Amino acid sequence: MLVLDERAVAHARLDRTVPIVFSMSGETFDVGTDTGSPVGPYPHDFECSANIVGVTLSRLDEPGEAIQAAELEGLFRAGLSSQ
């Protein structure tokens, strides 16, 4: 849910998200600025001029065993490649 001035203005459900660590590629989970690739029609390192009071993410359910195994494998590989 997107809340603006204490009023819900939009909501959406993400059916799928990235299940494994993605920061190794340089992409980050930024709020208020894009230090990786911009997600809109604005320049790299563009900073939001709004006052962001908070961000809340809620996981609706736990990932299944296959996703958990893939996540562990990704973390293991990322650890090996950064040594």
C-alpha atoms as a PDB file:
ATOM      1  CA  MET A   1       0.000   0.000   0.000  1.00  0.00           C
ATOM      2  CA  LEU A   2       1.290   3.445  -0.885  1.00  0.00           C
ATOM      3  CA  VAL A   3       0.326   6.077   1.665  1.00  0.00           C
ATOM      4  CA  LEU A   4       0.663   9.768   0.902  1.00  0.00           C
ATOM      5  CA  ASP A   5      -0.131  12.391   3.525  1.00  0.00           C
ATOM      6  CA  GLU A   6      -1.672   9.686   5.732  1.00  0.00           C
ATOM      7  CA  ARG A   7      -4.043   8.612   2.935  1.00  0.00           C
ATOM      8  CA  ALA A   8      -3.830   5.331   1.003  1.00  0.00           C
ATOM      9  CA  VAL A   9      -3.375   6.261  -2.648  1.00  0.00           C
ATOM     10  CA  ALA A  10      -2.435   2.928  -4.233  1.00  0.00           C
ATOM     11  CA  HIS A  11      -1.789  -0.728  -3.516  1.00  0.00           C
ATOM     12  CA  ALA A  12      -0.379  -3.684  -5.430  1.00  0.00           C
ATOM     13  CA  ARG A  13       0.689  -7.255  -4.906  1.00  0.00           C
ATOM     14  CA  LEU A  14       4.032  -8.533  -6.177  1.00  0.00           C
ATOM     15  CA  ASP A  15       3.475 -12.139  -7.146  1.00  0.00           C
ATOM     16  CA  ARG A  16       7.202 -12.753  -7.563  1.00  0.00           C
ATOM     17  CA  THR A  17      10.340 -11.085  -6.298  1.00  0.00           C
ATOM     18  CA  VAL A  18      14.041 -11.800  -6.638  1.00  0.00           C
ATOM     19  CA  PRO A  19      14.603 -14.872  -4.402  1.00  0.00           C
ATOM     20  CA  ILE A  20      18.386 -14.629  -4.140  1.00  0.00           C
ATOM     21  CA  VAL A  21      20.881 -11.931  -3.180  1.00  0.00           C
ATOM     22  CA  PHE A  22      21.047  -9.329  -5.950  1.00  0.00           C
ATOM     23  CA  SER A  23      23.390  -6.715  -4.523  1.00  0.00           C
ATOM     24  CA  MET A  24      26.436  -8.416  -6.070  1.00  0.00           C
ATOM     25  CA  SER A  25      25.369  -6.918  -9.417  1.00  0.00           C
ATOM     26  CA  GLY A  26      25.525  -3.386  -8.046  1.00  0.00           C
ATOM     27  CA  GLU A  27      21.760  -3.085  -7.656  1.00  0.00           C
ATOM     28  CA  THR A  28      20.541  -2.023  -4.259  1.00  0.00           C
ATOM     29  CA  PHE A  29      17.261  -1.637  -2.427  1.00  0.00           C
ATOM     30  CA  ASP A  30      17.282   2.128  -2.254  1.00  0.00           C
ATOM     31  CA  VAL A  31      14.557   4.372  -0.901  1.00  0.00           C
ATOM     32  CA  GLY A  32      14.634   8.007  -1.994  1.00  0.00           C
ATOM     33  CA  THR A  33      17.530   7.678  -4.442  1.00  0.00           C
ATOM     34  CA  ASP A  34      18.743   5.221  -7.078  1.00  0.00           C
ATOM     35  CA  THR A  35      22.405   4.329  -6.716  1.00  0.00           C
ATOM     36  CA  GLY A  36      22.021   1.454  -9.182  1.00  0.00           C
ATOM     37  CA  SER A  37      19.897   1.533 -12.331  1.00  0.00           C
ATOM     38  CA  PRO A  38      17.087   4.108 -12.261  1.00  0.00           C
ATOM     39  CA  VAL A  39      13.585   2.646 -12.267  1.00  0.00           C
ATOM     40  CA  GLY A  40      11.994   5.708 -13.845  1.00  0.00           C
ATOM     41  CA  PRO A  41      12.635   8.357 -16.479  1.00  0.00           C
ATOM     42  CA  TYR A  42      15.152  10.285 -14.422  1.00  0.00           C
ATOM     43  CA  PRO A  43      18.953  10.387 -14.205  1.00  0.00           C
ATOM     44  CA  HIS A  44      21.213   8.102 -12.181  1.00  0.00           C
ATOM     45  CA  ASP A  45      21.665   9.283  -8.556  1.00  0.00           C
ATOM     46  CA  PHE A  46      18.460  11.356  -8.749  1.00  0.00           C
ATOM     47  CA  GLU A  47      17.288  12.083  -5.196  1.00  0.00           C
ATOM     48  CA  CYS A  48      13.651  12.204  -4.185  1.00  0.00           C
ATOM     49  CA  SER A  49      12.701  15.629  -2.845  1.00  0.00           C
ATOM     50  CA  ALA A  50       9.787  14.317  -0.751  1.00  0.00           C
ATOM     51  CA  ASN A  51       9.985  13.673   2.977  1.00  0.00           C
ATOM     52  CA  ILE A  52       9.948   9.877   3.362  1.00  0.00           C
ATOM     53  CA  VAL A  53       8.767   9.108   6.883  1.00  0.00           C
ATOM     54  CA  GLY A  54       9.087   5.342   6.667  1.00  0.00           C
ATOM     55  CA  VAL A  55       8.967   2.224   4.543  1.00  0.00           C
ATOM     56  CA  THR A  56       7.389  -1.029   5.683  1.00  0.00           C
ATOM     57  CA  LEU A  57       7.726  -4.324   3.836  1.00  0.00           C
ATOM     58  CA  SER A  58       5.678  -7.319   4.890  1.00  0.00           C
ATOM     59  CA  ARG A  59       6.240 -10.874   3.737  1.00  0.00           C
ATOM     60  CA  LEU A  60       2.857 -12.519   3.331  1.00  0.00           C
ATOM     61  CA  ASP A  61       4.204 -16.054   3.480  1.00  0.00           C
ATOM     62  CA  GLU A  62       7.455 -17.948   3.841  1.00  0.00           C
ATOM     63  CA  PRO A  63       9.251 -19.202   0.721  1.00  0.00           C
ATOM     64  CA  GLY A  64       9.072 -22.901  -0.076  1.00  0.00           C
ATOM     65  CA  GLU A  65      11.929 -25.361   0.389  1.00  0.00           C
ATOM     66  CA  ALA A  66      13.188 -24.971  -3.203  1.00  0.00           C
ATOM     67  CA  ILE A  67      13.461 -21.190  -2.849  1.00  0.00           C
ATOM     68  CA  GLN A  68      15.158 -21.512   0.545  1.00  0.00           C
ATOM     69  CA  ALA A  69      17.701 -23.957  -0.931  1.00  0.00           C
ATOM     70  CA  ALA A  70      18.361 -21.626  -3.897  1.00  0.00           C
ATOM     71  CA  GLU A  71      18.821 -18.703  -1.511  1.00  0.00           C
ATOM     72  CA  LEU A  72      21.360 -20.617   0.581  1.00  0.00           C
ATOM     73  CA  GLU A  73      23.226 -21.685  -2.573  1.00  0.00           C
ATOM     74  CA  GLY A  74      23.278 -18.068  -3.803  1.00  0.00           C
ATOM     75  CA  LEU A  75      24.600 -16.814  -0.489  1.00  0.00           C
ATOM     76  CA  PHE A  76      27.276 -19.530  -0.486  1.00  0.00           C
ATOM     77  CA  ARG A  77      28.391 -18.662  -4.037  1.00  0.00           C
ATOM     78  CA  ALA A  78      28.397 -14.941  -3.261  1.00  0.00           C
ATOM     79  CA  GLY A  79      30.562 -15.622  -0.208  1.00  0.00           C
ATOM     80  CA  LEU A  80      33.043 -17.636  -2.254  1.00  0.00           C
ATOM     81  CA  SER A  81      33.286 -15.014  -4.995  1.00  0.00           C
ATOM     82  CA  SER A  82      34.016 -12.206  -2.547  1.00  0.00           C
ATOM     83  CA  GLN A  83      37.026 -13.885  -0.926  1.00  0.00           C
END
